[in-house]
Amino acid sequence: MPTSTGTNANPLVEENRKLKEQLALLNRERIEYLQNVSHQLVAPLNAIKWHIENLTHGRVSIERGKKVLRSVYSQATVAVHLAKNFALMSNLEADHTLIALREPLQPVNLCQLLVNLADDFQPQGWDKEVDISVENQPLNTAPAVLVIKPLISQVFSNIIENAVKYSAPRSEITVVGSYDSVQDTVTVHVQNDGIRLKTEEVDRVFERGYRSQEAKSAYPAGTGFGLYIAKRIVAIHEGKISCAVEPKGSVVFSVTLPVKALEGKTRQREPKDRAAGR
C-alpha cells in the first residue's frame, strides 16, 4: 500500500513546479521592465547630450539655438516624467492605501496645476504642431481639491503626455473641467484627436502593460504603465478615471476627484503662514 508520504508527494511536486514557473515569469517580466526603463530613459538623455554638444561647440546659429534649447527642455521633461513613473511603480505595487504613501494632503487648484502641466508639455506638442489648451471656465471657479499633489500631478502628466504622443499632427488637445456642488467633486476631461481606440480597448488601456496595436505600431517603445499608474493613484484618492471615444473618433480621458472626502484620512500639510507661526 502507498504510504501517506507518497500520496502527498505529487501535489507538492506540482505546487513546486507552479512556483518555479511563476518565479521564471516574474524574472522575465523584471528583465523586460529594466530593459524598457533603460531604453525609455536613454533616448531623451542622448538627445539632450547631442543638443548640448551642438550648442557648446557653436554648431548652430542663435536663432536655431532657441529651438535647440526648447527641444532640450522638452526632452528633459520626458526624462523626468519617465523617472517619476518608474519610481512610482514599486510604491504603488506595494501600497494600497492613502496613509501608506506617507505623503501629506494639501488643497490643490486643479486649473492652475493643469495650466502649468500644459506649459511643460507644450514644447513636445510644437514638434507636431499640436496645441494644448486649458479652458479656464468653469474650471477656475472650482474649489481646491484635497490631494497628494505630486501624485495627482503625475496622473495628469501621464494623460497629457499620452495625448501629445498619440495626437495627429496639427491637431489640438483640449482640457476642460467643472465642479459638481451636489457630489462635491471636480471633474477634468482631456480630449485629443489621433490614434483611435476601439470599443473593446477603452477599458483595457488602464491595464498594467497594455498598449493597443495602433499605439505599438506608431511608437514601438513604450511601457503601458502610464494609465495604469494614473488609475491606481486616482483610486487611492477615492476618485474615478475613465476613457471614452467620441462619435467622431476623439479620445477623452476623464478624472473625477472629491474635494474634501479625504480630510482626516491621513496627515495634512499646513498652510505656509500657519506652519511659520504667522
C-alpha atoms as a PDB file:
ATOM      1  CA  MET A   1       0.000   0.000   0.000  1.00  0.00           C
ATOM      2  CA  PRO A   2       1.281   3.530  -0.762  1.00  0.00           C
ATOM      3  CA  THR A   3       2.299   5.459   2.304  1.00  0.00           C
ATOM      4  CA  SER A   4       0.761   8.817   3.217  1.00  0.00           C
ATOM      5  CA  THR A   5       4.067  10.438   2.300  1.00  0.00           C
ATOM      6  CA  GLY A   6       3.865   9.015  -1.203  1.00  0.00           C
ATOM      7  CA  THR A   7       0.263  10.140  -1.546  1.00  0.00           C
ATOM      8  CA  ASN A   8       1.151  13.737  -0.657  1.00  0.00           C
ATOM      9  CA  ALA A   9       4.263  13.848  -2.849  1.00  0.00           C
ATOM     10  CA  ASN A  10       2.520  14.514  -6.157  1.00  0.00           C
ATOM     11  CA  PRO A  11       0.598  17.629  -5.026  1.00  0.00           C
ATOM     12  CA  LEU A  12       3.791  19.024  -3.502  1.00  0.00           C
ATOM     13  CA  VAL A  13       5.742  18.390  -6.698  1.00  0.00           C
ATOM     14  CA  GLU A  14       3.010  20.031  -8.750  1.00  0.00           C
ATOM     15  CA  GLU A  15       2.888  23.070  -6.468  1.00  0.00           C
ATOM     16  CA  ASN A  16       6.677  23.348  -6.589  1.00  0.00           C
ATOM     17  CA  ARG A  17       6.555  23.237 -10.395  1.00  0.00           C
ATOM     18  CA  LYS A  18       3.942  26.034 -10.476  1.00  0.00           C
ATOM     19  CA  LEU A  19       6.011  28.174  -8.112  1.00  0.00           C
ATOM     20  CA  LYS A  20       9.084  27.734 -10.320  1.00  0.00           C
ATOM     21  CA  GLU A  21       7.061  28.771 -13.377  1.00  0.00           C
ATOM     22  CA  GLN A  22       5.754  31.844 -11.576  1.00  0.00           C
ATOM     23  CA  LEU A  23       9.273  32.764 -10.472  1.00  0.00           C
ATOM     24  CA  ALA A  24      10.579  32.356 -14.025  1.00  0.00           C
ATOM     25  CA  LEU A  25       7.741  34.562 -15.319  1.00  0.00           C
ATOM     26  CA  LEU A  26       8.482  37.239 -12.720  1.00  0.00           C
ATOM     27  CA  ASN A  27      12.166  37.179 -13.655  1.00  0.00           C
ATOM     28  CA  ARG A  28      11.319  37.588 -17.346  1.00  0.00           C
ATOM     29  CA  GLU A  29       8.976  40.484 -16.549  1.00  0.00           C
ATOM     30  CA  ARG A  30      11.661  42.095 -14.362  1.00  0.00           C
ATOM     31  CA  ILE A  31      14.266  41.848 -17.125  1.00  0.00           C
ATOM     32  CA  GLU A  32      11.837  43.234 -19.725  1.00  0.00           C
ATOM     33  CA  TYR A  33      10.877  46.028 -17.333  1.00  0.00           C
ATOM     34  CA  LEU A  34      14.503  47.032 -16.709  1.00  0.00           C
ATOM     35  CA  GLN A  35      15.263  46.903 -20.434  1.00  0.00           C
ATOM     36  CA  ASN A  36      12.278  49.140 -21.091  1.00  0.00           C
ATOM     37  CA  VAL A  37      13.354  51.560 -18.364  1.00  0.00           C
ATOM     38  CA  SER A  38      16.825  51.767 -19.867  1.00  0.00           C
ATOM     39  CA  HIS A  39      15.581  52.217 -23.419  1.00  0.00           C
ATOM     40  CA  GLN A  40      12.976  54.823 -22.466  1.00  0.00           C
ATOM     41  CA  LEU A  41      15.403  56.924 -20.426  1.00  0.00           C
ATOM     42  CA  VAL A  42      18.427  56.676 -22.726  1.00  0.00           C
ATOM     43  CA  ALA A  43      16.588  58.175 -25.711  1.00  0.00           C
ATOM     44  CA  PRO A  44      15.812  61.620 -24.201  1.00  0.00           C
ATOM     45  CA  LEU A  45      19.151  61.746 -22.348  1.00  0.00           C
ATOM     46  CA  ASN A  46      21.066  61.093 -25.570  1.00  0.00           C
ATOM     47  CA  ALA A  47      19.042  63.790 -27.323  1.00  0.00           C
ATOM     48  CA  ILE A  48      19.878  66.273 -24.555  1.00  0.00           C
ATOM     49  CA  LYS A  49      23.571  65.355 -24.736  1.00  0.00           C
ATOM     50  CA  TRP A  50      23.634  65.795 -28.528  1.00  0.00           C
ATOM     51  CA  HIS A  51      21.909  69.187 -28.354  1.00  0.00           C
ATOM     52  CA  ILE A  52      24.263  70.436 -25.656  1.00  0.00           C
ATOM     53  CA  GLU A  53      27.286  69.353 -27.705  1.00  0.00           C
ATOM     54  CA  ASN A  54      25.982  71.339 -30.665  1.00  0.00           C
ATOM     55  CA  LEU A  55      25.406  74.406 -28.512  1.00  0.00           C
ATOM     56  CA  THR A  56      28.767  74.293 -26.725  1.00  0.00           C
ATOM     57  CA  HIS A  57      30.689  73.788 -29.972  1.00  0.00           C
ATOM     58  CA  GLY A  58      28.901  76.643 -31.725  1.00  0.00           C
ATOM     59  CA  ARG A  59      27.445  74.427 -34.436  1.00  0.00           C
ATOM     60  CA  VAL A  60      24.088  76.223 -34.510  1.00  0.00           C
ATOM     61  CA  SER A  61      23.007  79.806 -35.106  1.00  0.00           C
ATOM     62  CA  ILE A  62      21.460  81.940 -32.375  1.00  0.00           C
ATOM     63  CA  GLU A  63      18.010  81.545 -33.909  1.00  0.00           C
ATOM     64  CA  ARG A  64      18.435  77.800 -34.252  1.00  0.00           C
ATOM     65  CA  GLY A  65      19.831  77.720 -30.710  1.00  0.00           C
ATOM     66  CA  LYS A  66      16.458  78.845 -29.335  1.00  0.00           C
ATOM     67  CA  LYS A  67      14.783  75.858 -30.956  1.00  0.00           C
ATOM     68  CA  VAL A  68      17.508  73.541 -29.668  1.00  0.00           C
ATOM     69  CA  LEU A  69      17.011  74.819 -26.111  1.00  0.00           C
ATOM     70  CA  ARG A  70      13.288  74.265 -26.494  1.00  0.00           C
ATOM     71  CA  SER A  71      13.992  70.702 -27.540  1.00  0.00           C
ATOM     72  CA  VAL A  72      16.353  70.213 -24.570  1.00  0.00           C
ATOM     73  CA  TYR A  73      13.592  71.365 -22.239  1.00  0.00           C
ATOM     74  CA  SER A  74      11.131  69.016 -23.940  1.00  0.00           C
ATOM     75  CA  GLN A  75      13.444  66.009 -23.682  1.00  0.00           C
ATOM     76  CA  ALA A  76      14.253  66.817 -20.041  1.00  0.00           C
ATOM     77  CA  THR A  77      10.521  66.899 -19.303  1.00  0.00           C
ATOM     78  CA  VAL A  78      10.170  63.449 -20.875  1.00  0.00           C
ATOM     79  CA  ALA A  79      13.083  62.059 -18.851  1.00  0.00           C
ATOM     80  CA  VAL A  80      11.772  63.431 -15.543  1.00  0.00           C
ATOM     81  CA  HIS A  81       8.282  62.187 -16.369  1.00  0.00           C
ATOM     82  CA  LEU A  82       9.582  58.675 -17.096  1.00  0.00           C
ATOM     83  CA  ALA A  83      11.749  58.590 -13.974  1.00  0.00           C
ATOM     84  CA  LYS A  84       8.783  59.551 -11.786  1.00  0.00           C
ATOM     85  CA  ASN A  85       6.643  56.825 -13.331  1.00  0.00           C
ATOM     86  CA  PHE A  86       9.294  54.167 -12.799  1.00  0.00           C
ATOM     87  CA  ALA A  87       9.790  55.268  -9.185  1.00  0.00           C
ATOM     88  CA  LEU A  88       6.040  55.175  -8.557  1.00  0.00           C
ATOM     89  CA  MET A  89       5.604  51.660  -9.908  1.00  0.00           C
ATOM     90  CA  SER A  90       7.220  49.920  -6.934  1.00  0.00           C
ATOM     91  CA  ASN A  91       5.451  52.105  -4.364  1.00  0.00           C
ATOM     92  CA  LEU A  92       2.009  51.641  -5.885  1.00  0.00           C
ATOM     93  CA  GLU A  93       2.506  47.896  -6.272  1.00  0.00           C
ATOM     94  CA  ALA A  94       3.317  47.591  -2.564  1.00  0.00           C
ATOM     95  CA  ASP A  95       0.948  50.167  -1.014  1.00  0.00           C
ATOM     96  CA  HIS A  96      -2.816  50.063  -1.353  1.00  0.00           C
ATOM     97  CA  THR A  97      -3.950  52.825   0.981  1.00  0.00           C
ATOM     98  CA  LEU A  98      -3.556  56.570   1.113  1.00  0.00           C
ATOM     99  CA  ILE A  99      -1.908  56.591   4.533  1.00  0.00           C
ATOM    100  CA  ALA A 100       0.693  54.013   3.449  1.00  0.00           C
ATOM    101  CA  LEU A 101       2.172  56.535   0.992  1.00  0.00           C
ATOM    102  CA  ARG A 102       3.247  58.809   3.895  1.00  0.00           C
ATOM    103  CA  GLU A 103       2.661  61.977   1.877  1.00  0.00           C
ATOM    104  CA  PRO A 104       0.724  64.963   3.237  1.00  0.00           C
ATOM    105  CA  LEU A 105      -2.552  66.073   1.693  1.00  0.00           C
ATOM    106  CA  GLN A 106      -2.869  69.658   0.540  1.00  0.00           C
ATOM    107  CA  PRO A 107      -5.521  71.741  -1.258  1.00  0.00           C
ATOM    108  CA  VAL A 108      -4.660  71.996  -4.962  1.00  0.00           C
ATOM    109  CA  ASN A 109      -6.125  74.349  -7.563  1.00  0.00           C
ATOM    110  CA  LEU A 110      -6.563  71.962 -10.497  1.00  0.00           C
ATOM    111  CA  CYS A 111      -6.930  74.770 -13.034  1.00  0.00           C
ATOM    112  CA  GLN A 112      -3.519  76.215 -12.156  1.00  0.00           C
ATOM    113  CA  LEU A 113      -1.960  72.744 -11.983  1.00  0.00           C
ATOM    114  CA  LEU A 114      -3.221  71.871 -15.466  1.00  0.00           C
ATOM    115  CA  VAL A 115      -2.065  75.181 -16.947  1.00  0.00           C
ATOM    116  CA  ASN A 116       1.435  74.521 -15.575  1.00  0.00           C
ATOM    117  CA  LEU A 117       1.464  70.962 -16.948  1.00  0.00           C
ATOM    118  CA  ALA A 118       0.238  72.149 -20.341  1.00  0.00           C
ATOM    119  CA  ASP A 119       3.158  74.609 -20.417  1.00  0.00           C
ATOM    120  CA  ASP A 120       5.576  71.794 -19.511  1.00  0.00           C
ATOM    121  CA  PHE A 121       4.402  69.510 -22.329  1.00  0.00           C
ATOM    122  CA  GLN A 122       3.743  72.180 -24.965  1.00  0.00           C
ATOM    123  CA  PRO A 123       7.322  72.024 -26.350  1.00  0.00           C
ATOM    124  CA  GLN A 124       6.656  68.366 -27.261  1.00  0.00           C
ATOM    125  CA  GLY A 125       3.457  69.431 -28.942  1.00  0.00           C
ATOM    126  CA  TRP A 126       5.203  72.089 -31.019  1.00  0.00           C
ATOM    127  CA  ASP A 127       7.234  69.413 -32.773  1.00  0.00           C
ATOM    128  CA  LYS A 128       3.963  68.060 -34.225  1.00  0.00           C
ATOM    129  CA  GLU A 129       2.180  71.430 -34.370  1.00  0.00           C
ATOM    130  CA  VAL A 130      -0.142  70.184 -31.644  1.00  0.00           C
ATOM    131  CA  ASP A 131      -1.578  72.856 -29.367  1.00  0.00           C
ATOM    132  CA  ILE A 132      -2.506  72.161 -25.735  1.00  0.00           C
ATOM    133  CA  SER A 133      -5.232  74.448 -24.405  1.00  0.00           C
ATOM    134  CA  VAL A 134      -6.746  74.618 -20.922  1.00  0.00           C
ATOM    135  CA  GLU A 135     -10.175  76.239 -20.821  1.00  0.00           C
ATOM    136  CA  ASN A 136     -10.315  78.333 -17.659  1.00  0.00           C
ATOM    137  CA  GLN A 137     -14.087  78.475 -17.409  1.00  0.00           C
ATOM    138  CA  PRO A 138     -15.652  76.941 -15.428  1.00  0.00           C
ATOM    139  CA  LEU A 139     -12.646  75.067 -14.001  1.00  0.00           C
ATOM    140  CA  ASN A 140     -11.091  78.176 -12.446  1.00  0.00           C
ATOM    141  CA  THR A 141     -14.176  78.648 -10.241  1.00  0.00           C
ATOM    142  CA  ALA A 142     -13.946  75.108  -8.807  1.00  0.00           C
ATOM    143  CA  PRO A 143     -12.725  74.767  -5.210  1.00  0.00           C
ATOM    144  CA  ALA A 144      -9.278  73.332  -4.475  1.00  0.00           C
ATOM    145  CA  VAL A 145      -9.210  69.558  -4.045  1.00  0.00           C
ATOM    146  CA  LEU A 146      -7.513  67.932  -1.067  1.00  0.00           C
ATOM    147  CA  VAL A 147      -4.931  65.568  -2.578  1.00  0.00           C
ATOM    148  CA  ILE A 148      -1.316  64.438  -2.569  1.00  0.00           C
ATOM    149  CA  LYS A 149      -0.105  66.994  -5.088  1.00  0.00           C
ATOM    150  CA  PRO A 150       2.891  65.135  -6.625  1.00  0.00           C
ATOM    151  CA  LEU A 151       0.726  62.062  -7.254  1.00  0.00           C
ATOM    152  CA  ILE A 152      -2.186  63.955  -8.813  1.00  0.00           C
ATOM    153  CA  SER A 153       0.328  65.900 -10.926  1.00  0.00           C
ATOM    154  CA  GLN A 154       1.588  62.552 -12.212  1.00  0.00           C
ATOM    155  CA  VAL A 155      -1.958  61.462 -13.100  1.00  0.00           C
ATOM    156  CA  PHE A 156      -2.499  64.440 -15.374  1.00  0.00           C
ATOM    157  CA  SER A 157       1.102  64.354 -16.645  1.00  0.00           C
ATOM    158  CA  ASN A 158       0.571  60.774 -17.818  1.00  0.00           C
ATOM    159  CA  ILE A 159      -2.725  61.626 -19.518  1.00  0.00           C
ATOM    160  CA  ILE A 160      -1.412  64.766 -21.235  1.00  0.00           C
ATOM    161  CA  GLU A 161       1.850  63.075 -22.279  1.00  0.00           C
ATOM    162  CA  ASN A 162      -0.171  60.267 -23.859  1.00  0.00           C
ATOM    163  CA  ALA A 163      -2.400  62.778 -25.610  1.00  0.00           C
ATOM    164  CA  VAL A 164       0.618  64.573 -27.099  1.00  0.00           C
ATOM    165  CA  LYS A 165       2.276  61.320 -28.153  1.00  0.00           C
ATOM    166  CA  TYR A 166      -0.771  59.920 -29.913  1.00  0.00           C
ATOM    167  CA  SER A 167      -2.285  63.127 -31.321  1.00  0.00           C
ATOM    168  CA  ALA A 168      -2.408  63.672 -35.064  1.00  0.00           C
ATOM    169  CA  PRO A 169      -0.147  66.438 -36.432  1.00  0.00           C
ATOM    170  CA  ARG A 170      -1.719  69.921 -36.450  1.00  0.00           C
ATOM    171  CA  SER A 171      -4.449  68.935 -34.009  1.00  0.00           C
ATOM    172  CA  GLU A 172      -5.483  70.279 -30.600  1.00  0.00           C
ATOM    173  CA  ILE A 173      -5.570  68.838 -27.101  1.00  0.00           C
ATOM    174  CA  THR A 174      -8.337  70.395 -25.030  1.00  0.00           C
ATOM    175  CA  VAL A 175      -8.505  70.326 -21.239  1.00  0.00           C
ATOM    176  CA  VAL A 176     -11.806  71.307 -19.618  1.00  0.00           C
ATOM    177  CA  GLY A 177     -13.239  70.846 -16.148  1.00  0.00           C
ATOM    178  CA  SER A 178     -16.189  71.568 -13.888  1.00  0.00           C
ATOM    179  CA  TYR A 179     -17.367  71.412 -10.289  1.00  0.00           C
ATOM    180  CA  ASP A 180     -20.344  69.343  -9.112  1.00  0.00           C
ATOM    181  CA  SER A 181     -21.626  71.028  -5.940  1.00  0.00           C
ATOM    182  CA  VAL A 182     -24.052  68.182  -5.189  1.00  0.00           C
ATOM    183  CA  GLN A 183     -21.371  65.467  -5.224  1.00  0.00           C
ATOM    184  CA  ASP A 184     -18.651  67.925  -4.123  1.00  0.00           C
ATOM    185  CA  THR A 185     -16.318  66.696  -6.859  1.00  0.00           C
ATOM    186  CA  VAL A 186     -14.205  68.264  -9.598  1.00  0.00           C
ATOM    187  CA  THR A 187     -14.055  66.523 -12.992  1.00  0.00           C
ATOM    188  CA  VAL A 188     -11.401  67.144 -15.645  1.00  0.00           C
ATOM    189  CA  HIS A 189     -11.654  65.984 -19.276  1.00  0.00           C
ATOM    190  CA  VAL A 190      -8.623  65.726 -21.592  1.00  0.00           C
ATOM    191  CA  GLN A 191      -9.558  65.308 -25.263  1.00  0.00           C
ATOM    192  CA  ASN A 192      -7.331  64.658 -28.257  1.00  0.00           C
ATOM    193  CA  ASP A 193      -7.580  63.545 -31.895  1.00  0.00           C
ATOM    194  CA  GLY A 194      -5.185  60.985 -33.304  1.00  0.00           C
ATOM    195  CA  ILE A 195      -4.780  57.255 -32.853  1.00  0.00           C
ATOM    196  CA  ARG A 196      -8.280  55.901 -32.357  1.00  0.00           C
ATOM    197  CA  LEU A 197      -9.317  53.377 -29.751  1.00  0.00           C
ATOM    198  CA  LYS A 198     -11.654  50.507 -30.484  1.00  0.00           C
ATOM    199  CA  THR A 199     -14.634  49.955 -28.184  1.00  0.00           C
ATOM    200  CA  GLU A 200     -13.054  46.851 -26.649  1.00  0.00           C
ATOM    201  CA  GLU A 201      -9.833  48.782 -25.895  1.00  0.00           C
ATOM    202  CA  VAL A 202     -11.454  51.575 -23.884  1.00  0.00           C
ATOM    203  CA  ASP A 203     -11.333  49.748 -20.544  1.00  0.00           C
ATOM    204  CA  ARG A 204      -8.147  47.817 -21.299  1.00  0.00           C
ATOM    205  CA  VAL A 205      -5.998  50.966 -21.598  1.00  0.00           C
ATOM    206  CA  PHE A 206      -5.835  51.056 -17.780  1.00  0.00           C
ATOM    207  CA  GLU A 207      -4.429  47.533 -17.522  1.00  0.00           C
ATOM    208  CA  ARG A 208      -0.796  47.187 -16.453  1.00  0.00           C
ATOM    209  CA  GLY A 209       1.405  46.997 -19.542  1.00  0.00           C
ATOM    210  CA  TYR A 210      -1.449  47.159 -22.079  1.00  0.00           C
ATOM    211  CA  ARG A 211      -0.918  49.050 -25.349  1.00  0.00           C
ATOM    212  CA  SER A 212      -3.224  48.991 -28.355  1.00  0.00           C
ATOM    213  CA  GLN A 213      -1.899  47.578 -31.605  1.00  0.00           C
ATOM    214  CA  GLU A 214      -2.064  51.004 -33.274  1.00  0.00           C
ATOM    215  CA  ALA A 215      -0.101  52.535 -30.398  1.00  0.00           C
ATOM    216  CA  LYS A 216       2.580  49.840 -30.714  1.00  0.00           C
ATOM    217  CA  SER A 217       2.807  50.388 -34.461  1.00  0.00           C
ATOM    218  CA  ALA A 218       3.130  54.162 -34.123  1.00  0.00           C
ATOM    219  CA  TYR A 219       5.500  54.069 -31.114  1.00  0.00           C
ATOM    220  CA  PRO A 220       7.151  50.653 -30.626  1.00  0.00           C
ATOM    221  CA  ALA A 221       8.939  51.817 -27.464  1.00  0.00           C
ATOM    222  CA  GLY A 222       6.561  52.125 -24.557  1.00  0.00           C
ATOM    223  CA  THR A 223       5.767  50.624 -21.184  1.00  0.00           C
ATOM    224  CA  GLY A 224       1.974  50.759 -20.969  1.00  0.00           C
ATOM    225  CA  PHE A 225       2.380  51.836 -17.324  1.00  0.00           C
ATOM    226  CA  GLY A 226       1.238  55.477 -17.500  1.00  0.00           C
ATOM    227  CA  LEU A 227      -2.522  54.990 -17.437  1.00  0.00           C
ATOM    228  CA  TYR A 228      -2.248  52.039 -15.060  1.00  0.00           C
ATOM    229  CA  ILE A 229      -0.368  54.280 -12.612  1.00  0.00           C
ATOM    230  CA  ALA A 230      -2.954  57.037 -13.121  1.00  0.00           C
ATOM    231  CA  LYS A 231      -5.806  54.663 -12.281  1.00  0.00           C
ATOM    232  CA  ARG A 232      -4.063  53.408  -9.133  1.00  0.00           C
ATOM    233  CA  ILE A 233      -3.427  56.964  -7.888  1.00  0.00           C
ATOM    234  CA  VAL A 234      -6.990  58.097  -8.602  1.00  0.00           C
ATOM    235  CA  ALA A 235      -8.360  55.032  -6.786  1.00  0.00           C
ATOM    236  CA  ILE A 236      -6.192  55.806  -3.739  1.00  0.00           C
ATOM    237  CA  HIS A 237      -7.753  59.302  -3.758  1.00  0.00           C
ATOM    238  CA  GLU A 238     -11.255  57.751  -3.877  1.00  0.00           C
ATOM    239  CA  GLY A 239     -11.841  59.234  -7.310  1.00  0.00           C
ATOM    240  CA  LYS A 240     -12.768  57.854 -10.715  1.00  0.00           C
ATOM    241  CA  ILE A 241     -10.969  57.721 -14.071  1.00  0.00           C
ATOM    242  CA  SER A 242     -12.458  56.660 -17.369  1.00  0.00           C
ATOM    243  CA  CYS A 243     -11.871  56.690 -21.110  1.00  0.00           C
ATOM    244  CA  ALA A 244     -14.433  57.303 -23.844  1.00  0.00           C
ATOM    245  CA  VAL A 245     -14.402  57.576 -27.629  1.00  0.00           C
ATOM    246  CA  GLU A 246     -16.467  60.345 -29.203  1.00  0.00           C
ATOM    247  CA  PRO A 247     -18.580  59.621 -32.320  1.00  0.00           C
ATOM    248  CA  LYS A 248     -16.013  61.468 -34.480  1.00  0.00           C
ATOM    249  CA  GLY A 249     -13.154  59.427 -33.019  1.00  0.00           C
ATOM    250  CA  SER A 250     -11.770  61.837 -30.413  1.00  0.00           C
ATOM    251  CA  VAL A 251     -10.464  60.133 -27.273  1.00  0.00           C
ATOM    252  CA  VAL A 252     -11.487  61.656 -23.929  1.00  0.00           C
ATOM    253  CA  PHE A 253      -9.965  60.791 -20.554  1.00  0.00           C
ATOM    254  CA  SER A 254     -11.977  61.942 -17.541  1.00  0.00           C
ATOM    255  CA  VAL A 255     -10.812  62.206 -13.927  1.00  0.00           C
ATOM    256  CA  THR A 256     -13.198  62.937 -11.057  1.00  0.00           C
ATOM    257  CA  LEU A 257     -11.762  63.817  -7.637  1.00  0.00           C
ATOM    258  CA  PRO A 258     -13.556  64.512  -4.355  1.00  0.00           C
ATOM    259  CA  VAL A 259     -12.958  67.968  -2.896  1.00  0.00           C
ATOM    260  CA  LYS A 260     -12.755  67.116   0.817  1.00  0.00           C
ATOM    261  CA  ALA A 261     -13.608  63.412   1.131  1.00  0.00           C
ATOM    262  CA  LEU A 262     -10.043  62.577   2.186  1.00  0.00           C
ATOM    263  CA  GLU A 263      -9.963  65.059   5.045  1.00  0.00           C
ATOM    264  CA  GLY A 264      -8.774  63.372   8.248  1.00  0.00           C
ATOM    265  CA  LYS A 265      -7.752  60.145   6.493  1.00  0.00           C
ATOM    266  CA  THR A 266      -4.043  60.989   6.564  1.00  0.00           C
ATOM    267  CA  ARG A 267      -1.910  63.899   7.689  1.00  0.00           C
ATOM    268  CA  GLN A 268      -2.472  67.250   6.032  1.00  0.00           C
ATOM    269  CA  ARG A 269       0.148  69.828   5.131  1.00  0.00           C
ATOM    270  CA  GLU A 270      -0.443  73.061   6.993  1.00  0.00           C
ATOM    271  CA  PRO A 271      -0.598  76.352   5.070  1.00  0.00           C
ATOM    272  CA  LYS A 272       2.781  78.083   4.910  1.00  0.00           C
ATOM    273  CA  ASP A 273       1.738  81.043   7.043  1.00  0.00           C
ATOM    274  CA  ARG A 274       0.378  78.775   9.810  1.00  0.00           C
ATOM    275  CA  ALA A 275       3.422  76.493   9.635  1.00  0.00           C
ATOM    276  CA  ALA A 276       5.645  79.521  10.021  1.00  0.00           C
ATOM    277  CA  GLY A 277       3.697  80.612  13.091  1.00  0.00           C
ATOM    278  CA  ARG A 278       2.231  83.737  11.488  1.00  0.00           C
END
